[in-house]
Amino acid sequence: MKQHQLANMREHVEAIRSIVGLLSEQKFDDASTVAHSKLGLTPEMQSMCNMFENADFRELGFAFHQSGDDLGEALKSKDVNTSLRALNRTMQYCVQCHATYRQ
């Protein structure tokens, strides 16, 4: 399970890298699609988060994935500053999780 979770987190980092690249090219719609599909609270991510026994970790996961959906919506605005603020919020969850749950 640990390796599976680490692989998921690496995919999240790759999604953020992709979003940054797409933002730099002003491809907001593509970036929004990545945010929703790779970071958002999809049914698969919701199911996975529900498997965690640690309630705090589970809630942090839900908050992270909800922020991914919020990022996707912000990107639809096609406003760079709004999008960057939303990306910052999403990345704050990454930092918080990694600071709290070091492996």
Protein backbone atom coordinates (compact mmCIF):
# COMPACT_ATOMS: atom_id res chain seq x y z
CA MET A 1 0.00 0.00 0.00
CA LYS A 2 2.88 2.35 0.82
CA GLN A 3 4.40 1.90 -2.66
CA HIS A 4 1.00 2.43 -4.26
CA GLN A 5 0.53 5.69 -2.35
CA LEU A 6 4.04 6.89 -3.24
CA ALA A 7 3.33 6.18 -6.92
CA ASN A 8 0.12 8.23 -6.68
CA MET A 9 1.95 11.14 -5.12
CA ARG A 10 4.56 11.03 -7.90
CA GLU A 11 1.71 11.19 -10.41
CA HIS A 12 0.38 14.25 -8.57
CA VAL A 13 3.77 15.96 -8.87
CA GLU A 14 3.85 15.17 -12.59
CA ALA A 15 0.34 16.61 -12.95
CA ILE A 16 1.43 19.84 -11.24
CA ARG A 17 4.48 20.04 -13.53
CA SER A 18 2.17 19.59 -16.51
CA ILE A 19 -0.21 22.29 -15.26
CA VAL A 20 2.67 24.75 -14.80
CA GLY A 21 3.87 24.03 -18.33
CA LEU A 22 0.40 24.45 -19.78
CA LEU A 23 -0.08 27.68 -17.84
CA SER A 24 3.16 29.02 -19.31
CA GLU A 25 1.67 28.40 -22.76
CA GLN A 26 -1.71 29.85 -21.70
CA LYS A 27 -3.44 26.52 -22.39
CA PHE A 28 -5.92 26.99 -19.58
CA ASP A 29 -8.50 24.49 -20.78
CA ASP A 30 -5.90 21.72 -21.07
CA ALA A 31 -4.52 22.62 -17.64
CA SER A 32 -8.04 22.51 -16.20
CA THR A 33 -8.57 19.04 -17.63
CA VAL A 34 -5.33 17.83 -16.02
CA ALA A 35 -6.28 19.40 -12.68
CA HIS A 36 -9.70 17.74 -12.61
CA SER A 37 -8.60 14.34 -13.91
CA LYS A 38 -5.26 13.93 -12.12
CA LEU A 39 -5.67 15.97 -8.94
CA GLY A 40 -9.41 16.29 -8.45
CA LEU A 41 -11.70 14.29 -6.21
CA THR A 42 -12.64 11.70 -8.82
CA PRO A 43 -14.67 8.68 -7.71
CA GLU A 44 -11.44 6.63 -7.79
CA MET A 45 -9.60 9.10 -5.55
CA GLN A 46 -12.56 9.29 -3.19
CA SER A 47 -12.59 5.52 -2.91
CA MET A 48 -8.85 5.41 -2.31
CA CYS A 49 -8.95 8.12 0.34
CA ASN A 50 -11.76 6.28 2.13
CA MET A 51 -9.42 3.30 2.53
CA PHE A 52 -7.08 5.20 4.88
CA GLU A 53 -7.61 4.35 8.53
CA ASN A 54 -5.93 7.53 9.78
CA ALA A 55 -8.77 10.07 9.82
CA ASP A 56 -6.46 13.09 9.69
CA PHE A 57 -4.59 11.69 6.67
CA ARG A 58 -7.88 10.83 5.00
CA GLU A 59 -9.28 14.34 5.54
CA LEU A 60 -6.08 15.92 4.26
CA GLY A 61 -6.33 13.75 1.16
CA PHE A 62 -9.93 14.84 0.58
CA ALA A 63 -8.95 18.50 1.04
CA PHE A 64 -6.05 18.11 -1.40
CA HIS A 65 -8.23 16.52 -4.06
CA GLN A 66 -10.99 19.10 -3.57
CA SER A 67 -8.36 21.80 -4.06
CA GLY A 68 -7.45 20.06 -7.34
CA ASP A 69 -11.03 20.51 -8.50
CA ASP A 70 -10.98 24.12 -7.29
CA LEU A 71 -7.77 24.60 -9.29
CA GLY A 72 -9.47 23.17 -12.35
CA GLU A 73 -12.30 25.68 -11.97
CA ALA A 74 -9.87 28.58 -11.41
CA LEU A 75 -8.01 27.64 -14.58
CA LYS A 76 -11.26 27.90 -16.53
CA SER A 77 -11.27 31.62 -15.67
CA LYS A 78 -8.18 31.97 -17.91
CA ASP A 79 -6.80 34.43 -15.35
CA VAL A 80 -3.16 33.76 -14.52
CA ASN A 81 -3.24 35.28 -11.02
CA THR A 82 -6.42 33.45 -10.02
CA SER A 83 -4.95 30.23 -11.38
CA LEU A 84 -1.63 30.68 -9.58
CA ARG A 85 -3.39 31.37 -6.27
CA ALA A 86 -5.37 28.15 -6.68
CA LEU A 87 -2.23 26.23 -7.63
CA ASN A 88 -0.51 27.61 -4.54
CA ARG A 89 -3.38 26.36 -2.34
CA THR A 90 -3.13 22.90 -3.87
CA MET A 91 0.61 22.80 -3.37
CA GLN A 92 0.20 23.92 0.25
CA TYR A 93 -1.63 20.64 0.85
CA CYS A 94 1.32 18.78 -0.68
CA VAL A 95 3.74 20.54 1.64
CA GLN A 96 1.50 20.05 4.69
CA CYS A 97 1.08 16.36 4.02
CA HIS A 98 4.76 15.73 3.41
CA ALA A 99 5.72 17.73 6.50
CA THR A 100 3.25 15.79 8.65
CA TYR A 101 3.59 12.28 7.20
CA ARG A 102 7.23 11.77 6.37
CA GLN A 103 8.01 8.30 5.05
